[in-house]
Amino acid sequence: MKPIPLSTVQKLSITFFMIGVILMVLGICTGTMVGLIILMVAGWIVLIGDIIFIVLFFRCPHCGEGLVKIRSDYCPHCGNYLR
């Protein structure tokens, strides 16, 4: 399986996060209990899926180690440039 480029993973994770938050806000704004439950559950599913996506695919393209905490442009495990 070919790894997904790091910039694509970042863009997709931000997009999924925003979709999850929007679904939850729409659920709160619907005014009905059914809408609240359905949209809140859908929002939580998207957010949990986003977390799983980040854990699986947010990795260094050189060594394959997870990059949960990035504070620089270099991999904390192998030291290679990430961008």
Protein backbone atom coordinates (compact mmCIF):
# COMPACT_ATOMS: atom_id res chain seq x y z
CA MET A 1 0.00 0.00 0.00
CA LYS A 2 1.41 3.36 -1.05
CA PRO A 3 1.56 5.86 1.84
CA ILE A 4 -0.59 8.98 1.61
CA PRO A 5 1.47 12.21 1.40
CA LEU A 6 1.68 14.04 4.73
CA SER A 7 0.14 17.24 3.34
CA THR A 8 -2.88 15.27 2.09
CA VAL A 9 -3.31 13.61 5.49
CA GLN A 10 -3.25 17.01 7.18
CA LYS A 11 -5.83 18.48 4.78
CA LEU A 12 -8.15 15.48 5.10
CA SER A 13 -7.93 15.39 8.90
CA ILE A 14 -8.80 19.10 9.14
CA THR A 15 -11.70 18.59 6.70
CA PHE A 16 -13.08 15.61 8.66
CA PHE A 17 -12.74 17.53 11.92
CA MET A 18 -14.69 20.49 10.52
CA ILE A 19 -17.41 18.21 9.12
CA GLY A 20 -17.78 16.53 12.53
CA VAL A 21 -18.03 19.85 14.34
CA ILE A 22 -20.53 21.23 11.82
CA LEU A 23 -22.72 18.13 12.18
CA MET A 24 -22.70 18.52 15.97
CA VAL A 25 -23.56 22.23 15.78
CA LEU A 26 -26.37 21.50 13.32
CA GLY A 27 -27.66 18.87 15.73
CA ILE A 28 -27.77 21.40 18.52
CA CYS A 29 -29.50 23.97 16.31
CA THR A 30 -32.24 21.68 14.92
CA GLY A 31 -34.52 22.14 17.91
CA THR A 32 -35.83 18.58 17.83
CA MET A 33 -34.65 15.71 19.96
CA VAL A 34 -34.40 13.31 16.99
CA GLY A 35 -32.29 15.78 14.99
CA LEU A 36 -30.11 16.40 18.00
CA ILE A 37 -29.45 12.72 18.58
CA ILE A 38 -28.92 11.79 14.91
CA LEU A 39 -26.61 14.68 14.05
CA MET A 40 -24.68 14.53 17.33
CA VAL A 41 -24.06 10.80 16.86
CA ALA A 42 -23.02 11.39 13.24
CA GLY A 43 -20.66 14.16 14.36
CA TRP A 44 -19.08 11.93 17.01
CA ILE A 45 -18.65 9.11 14.49
CA VAL A 46 -16.88 11.46 12.07
CA LEU A 47 -14.61 12.80 14.85
CA ILE A 48 -13.71 9.33 16.09
CA GLY A 49 -13.06 8.27 12.50
CA ASP A 50 -10.79 11.31 12.11
CA ILE A 51 -8.79 10.30 15.19
CA ILE A 52 -8.39 6.77 13.82
CA PHE A 53 -7.37 8.22 10.42
CA ILE A 54 -4.71 10.40 12.07
CA VAL A 55 -3.30 7.50 14.10
CA LEU A 56 -3.11 5.24 11.03
CA PHE A 57 -1.84 7.65 8.36
CA PHE A 58 -0.08 10.61 10.06
CA ARG A 59 3.37 9.06 9.74
CA CYS A 60 6.85 10.04 8.65
CA PRO A 61 7.24 9.29 4.93
CA HIS A 62 10.85 8.18 5.53
CA CYS A 63 10.77 5.89 8.58
CA GLY A 64 7.02 5.23 8.96
CA GLU A 65 6.87 6.20 12.65
CA GLY A 66 3.79 7.99 13.97
CA LEU A 67 3.85 11.78 14.09
CA VAL A 68 1.25 12.51 16.75
CA LYS A 69 3.19 15.52 18.04
CA ILE A 70 4.89 17.66 15.41
CA ARG A 71 6.67 20.74 16.62
CA SER A 72 9.16 21.11 13.80
CA ASP A 73 9.66 20.28 10.15
CA TYR A 74 11.78 17.26 11.03
CA CYS A 75 10.80 13.77 12.14
CA PRO A 76 11.56 13.28 15.86
CA HIS A 77 12.47 9.62 15.19
CA CYS A 78 14.77 9.69 12.14
CA GLY A 79 15.52 13.40 11.77
CA ASN A 80 14.54 13.63 8.08
CA TYR A 81 12.83 16.71 6.67
CA LEU A 82 9.04 16.24 6.49
CA ARG A 83 7.93 18.79 3.92
